[in-house]
Structures are given as C-alpha cells and as structure tokens.
C-alpha atoms as a PDB file:
ATOM      1  CA  MET A   1     128.461  56.088  81.835  1.00  0.00           C
ATOM      2  CA  ARG A   2     130.522  54.870  84.719  1.00  0.00           C
ATOM      3  CA  ASN A   3     131.650  58.422  85.608  1.00  0.00           C
ATOM      4  CA  ASN A   4     128.063  59.663  85.488  1.00  0.00           C
ATOM      5  CA  THR A   5     126.886  56.884  87.844  1.00  0.00           C
ATOM      6  CA  ALA A   6     129.733  57.547  90.270  1.00  0.00           C
ATOM      7  CA  THR A   7     128.894  61.251  90.342  1.00  0.00           C
ATOM      8  CA  THR A   8     125.244  60.541  90.970  1.00  0.00           C
ATOM      9  CA  LEU A   9     126.046  58.074  93.761  1.00  0.00           C
ATOM     10  CA  GLY A  10     128.485  60.556  95.339  1.00  0.00           C
ATOM     11  CA  LEU A  11     125.894  63.320  95.258  1.00  0.00           C
ATOM     12  CA  LEU A  12     123.248  60.988  96.718  1.00  0.00           C
ATOM     13  CA  PHE A  13     125.610  59.947  99.508  1.00  0.00           C
ATOM     14  CA  CYS A  14     126.384  63.609 100.362  1.00  0.00           C
ATOM     15  CA  LEU A  15     122.697  64.446 100.513  1.00  0.00           C
ATOM     16  CA  LEU A  16     121.940  61.480 102.763  1.00  0.00           C
ATOM     17  CA  ALA A  17     124.919  62.153 105.036  1.00  0.00           C
ATOM     18  CA  THR A  18     124.023  65.786 105.762  1.00  0.00           C
ATOM     19  CA  PRO A  19     121.500  66.173 108.571  1.00  0.00           C
ATOM     20  CA  LEU A  20     118.267  67.919 107.770  1.00  0.00           C
ATOM     21  CA  ALA A  21     117.849  71.381 109.266  1.00  0.00           C
ATOM     22  CA  VAL A  22     115.486  71.428 112.192  1.00  0.00           C
ATOM     23  CA  PRO A  23     113.272  74.532 112.183  1.00  0.00           C
ATOM     24  CA  ALA A  24     113.752  76.940 115.058  1.00  0.00           C
ATOM     25  CA  PRO A  25     110.890  77.242 117.525  1.00  0.00           C
ATOM     26  CA  ALA A  26     108.545  80.172 116.954  1.00  0.00           C
ATOM     27  CA  TYR A  27     108.146  82.841 119.601  1.00  0.00           C
ATOM     28  CA  ALA A  28     105.338  85.355 120.012  1.00  0.00           C
ATOM     29  CA  VAL A  29     106.114  89.016 119.370  1.00  0.00           C
ATOM     30  CA  THR A  30     104.373  91.809 121.235  1.00  0.00           C
ATOM     31  CA  ILE A  31     103.989  95.165 119.473  1.00  0.00           C
ATOM     32  CA  ASN A  32     102.778  98.219 121.363  1.00  0.00           C
ATOM     33  CA  ILE A  33     101.282 100.969 119.211  1.00  0.00           C
ATOM     34  CA  ASN A  34     100.396 104.226 120.933  1.00  0.00           C
ATOM     35  CA  VAL A  35      99.037 107.510 119.700  1.00  0.00           C
ATOM     36  CA  GLY A  36     101.591 110.223 120.384  1.00  0.00           C
ATOM     37  CA  SER A  37     105.316 109.985 120.744  1.00  0.00           C
ATOM     38  CA  ASN A  38     107.363 107.947 123.141  1.00  0.00           C
ATOM     39  CA  LEU A  39     108.296 111.166 124.946  1.00  0.00           C
ATOM     40  CA  ASN A  40     104.783 111.687 126.303  1.00  0.00           C
ATOM     41  CA  HIS A  41     103.792 108.000 126.598  1.00  0.00           C
ATOM     42  CA  GLY A  42     100.886 108.279 124.136  1.00  0.00           C
ATOM     43  CA  ARG A  43      99.216 111.290 125.759  1.00  0.00           C
ATOM     44  CA  PRO A  44      98.624 114.543 123.891  1.00  0.00           C
ATOM     45  CA  ILE A  45     100.822 117.471 124.890  1.00  0.00           C
ATOM     46  CA  SER A  46      99.659 120.682 126.533  1.00  0.00           C
ATOM     47  CA  CYS A  47     100.038 124.135 125.033  1.00  0.00           C
ATOM     48  CA  ARG A  48     102.735 124.981 127.570  1.00  0.00           C
ATOM     49  CA  GLU A  49     104.636 121.772 126.747  1.00  0.00           C
ATOM     50  CA  GLY A  50     104.538 122.690 123.054  1.00  0.00           C
ATOM     51  CA  GLU A  51     105.940 126.122 123.835  1.00  0.00           C
ATOM     52  CA  ARG A  52     108.791 124.523 125.780  1.00  0.00           C
ATOM     53  CA  ARG A  53     109.572 122.125 122.928  1.00  0.00           C
ATOM     54  CA  ILE A  54     109.778 125.003 120.455  1.00  0.00           C
ATOM     55  CA  ARG A  55     112.161 126.869 122.755  1.00  0.00           C
ATOM     56  CA  ASP A  56     114.284 123.703 122.962  1.00  0.00           C
ATOM     57  CA  ARG A  57     114.534 123.776 119.151  1.00  0.00           C
ATOM     58  CA  GLY A  58     116.313 127.126 119.229  1.00  0.00           C
ATOM     59  CA  PHE A  59     113.482 129.665 119.039  1.00  0.00           C
ATOM     60  CA  ARG A  60     113.240 132.600 121.455  1.00  0.00           C
ATOM     61  CA  ASP A  61     110.423 134.930 122.519  1.00  0.00           C
ATOM     62  CA  VAL A  62     107.888 132.203 121.736  1.00  0.00           C
ATOM     63  CA  ARG A  63     104.250 133.387 121.825  1.00  0.00           C
ATOM     64  CA  ARG A  64     101.117 131.247 121.643  1.00  0.00           C
ATOM     65  CA  VAL A  65      98.836 132.109 118.712  1.00  0.00           C
ATOM     66  CA  ASP A  66      96.309 129.256 118.730  1.00  0.00           C
ATOM     67  CA  CYS A  67      96.199 126.272 121.074  1.00  0.00           C
ATOM     68  CA  ARG A  68      92.912 124.733 119.973  1.00  0.00           C
ATOM     69  CA  GLY A  69      92.340 121.669 117.861  1.00  0.00           C
ATOM     70  CA  ARG A  70      94.794 119.268 116.315  1.00  0.00           C
ATOM     71  CA  THR A  71      97.630 121.732 115.727  1.00  0.00           C
ATOM     72  CA  PHE A  72      99.051 124.369 118.034  1.00  0.00           C
ATOM     73  CA  VAL A  73     100.428 127.516 116.409  1.00  0.00           C
ATOM     74  CA  TYR A  74     103.230 129.638 117.896  1.00  0.00           C
ATOM     75  CA  ARG A  75     105.359 132.579 116.801  1.00  0.00           C
ATOM     76  CA  GLY A  76     108.979 132.960 117.721  1.00  0.00           C
ATOM     77  CA  TRP A  77     112.326 134.382 116.719  1.00  0.00           C
ATOM     78  CA  ARG A  78     115.405 132.556 115.496  1.00  0.00           C
ATOM     79  CA  GLY A  79     118.317 134.824 114.743  1.00  0.00           C
ATOM     80  CA  ASN A  80     116.937 138.028 113.210  1.00  0.00           C
ATOM     81  CA  GLN A  81     113.946 136.346 111.589  1.00  0.00           C
ATOM     82  CA  ARG A  82     110.443 135.730 112.881  1.00  0.00           C
ATOM     83  CA  PHE A  83     108.739 132.384 112.326  1.00  0.00           C
ATOM     84  CA  GLU A  84     105.306 130.826 112.708  1.00  0.00           C
ATOM     85  CA  ILE A  85     105.566 127.250 113.942  1.00  0.00           C
ATOM     86  CA  ALA A  86     102.786 124.631 113.831  1.00  0.00           C
ATOM     87  CA  LEU A  87     102.982 121.720 116.256  1.00  0.00           C
ATOM     88  CA  ASP A  88     100.931 118.508 116.246  1.00  0.00           C
ATOM     89  CA  SER A  89      99.072 118.452 119.566  1.00  0.00           C
ATOM     90  CA  ARG A  90      98.897 114.648 119.643  1.00  0.00           C
ATOM     91  CA  ASN A  91     102.601 113.873 119.513  1.00  0.00           C
ATOM     92  CA  GLY A  92     104.469 117.187 119.842  1.00  0.00           C
ATOM     93  CA  ARG A  93     106.156 117.087 116.445  1.00  0.00           C
ATOM     94  CA  VAL A  94     106.692 120.205 114.375  1.00  0.00           C
ATOM     95  CA  THR A  95     104.472 120.011 111.298  1.00  0.00           C
ATOM     96  CA  ASP A  96     105.157 123.385 109.663  1.00  0.00           C
ATOM     97  CA  VAL A  97     107.605 126.288 109.984  1.00  0.00           C
ATOM     98  CA  ARG A  98     107.022 129.508 108.035  1.00  0.00           C
ATOM     99  CA  ARG A  99     109.101 132.641 107.989  1.00  0.00           C
ATOM    100  CA  ILE A 100     107.079 135.785 108.611  1.00  0.00           C
ATOM    101  CA  ARG A 101     108.184 138.904 106.782  1.00  0.00           C
ATOM    102  CA  ARG A 102     108.127 142.176 108.646  1.00  0.00           C
END
C-alpha cells in the first residue's frame, strides 16, 4: 500500500512539475489555384507553342493536324516511327501518344 501511494505521489509530482505545452500561434495560408500549368501562368497555350513543346520532347517533323477545341493534335516522327500526339490546350500537357503504322 505504501509503495502504491509513493508511486502515485511521484507520478502526480512529475505531472505538476512539467509545464503545459502552449499552442503555437496560427498563421493564414494562401493557396493560388490557376487553370493551366505554371509554365504559362494559367493561360492556355497557342497551337505554335504546342508544336514547340512536342519538338522539345524529342519529336521531329512535327505537323499540326487539328488545333481547335480542348485538345490539339499533331503528327511527328521519333526515330523511324510516326506518332500522333494529343496535347491539352489549357495546360500544354501531353494527353495521348499513338504510334501510326505505315
């Protein structure tokens, strides 16, 4: 009984001796959400810009097929194979790549 009381008193003393944690002050967070990528600052890309981006990804002889609507479609060569590449006009990301057979 004596040991149990001493343990309880010791635990109570430790709890009272430790300072309580003070919560850290809260700060506001600002989040900017834009349509498009960070490369074009939220603006849609042009057909010419899409063609340049496809060339930068390693395609050559890039030709525009369709530059209307939400996706731009191009055809180009990589190595000895011909591809059809679809690009999202809002952010410039490649959405589809298909190999075209001769």
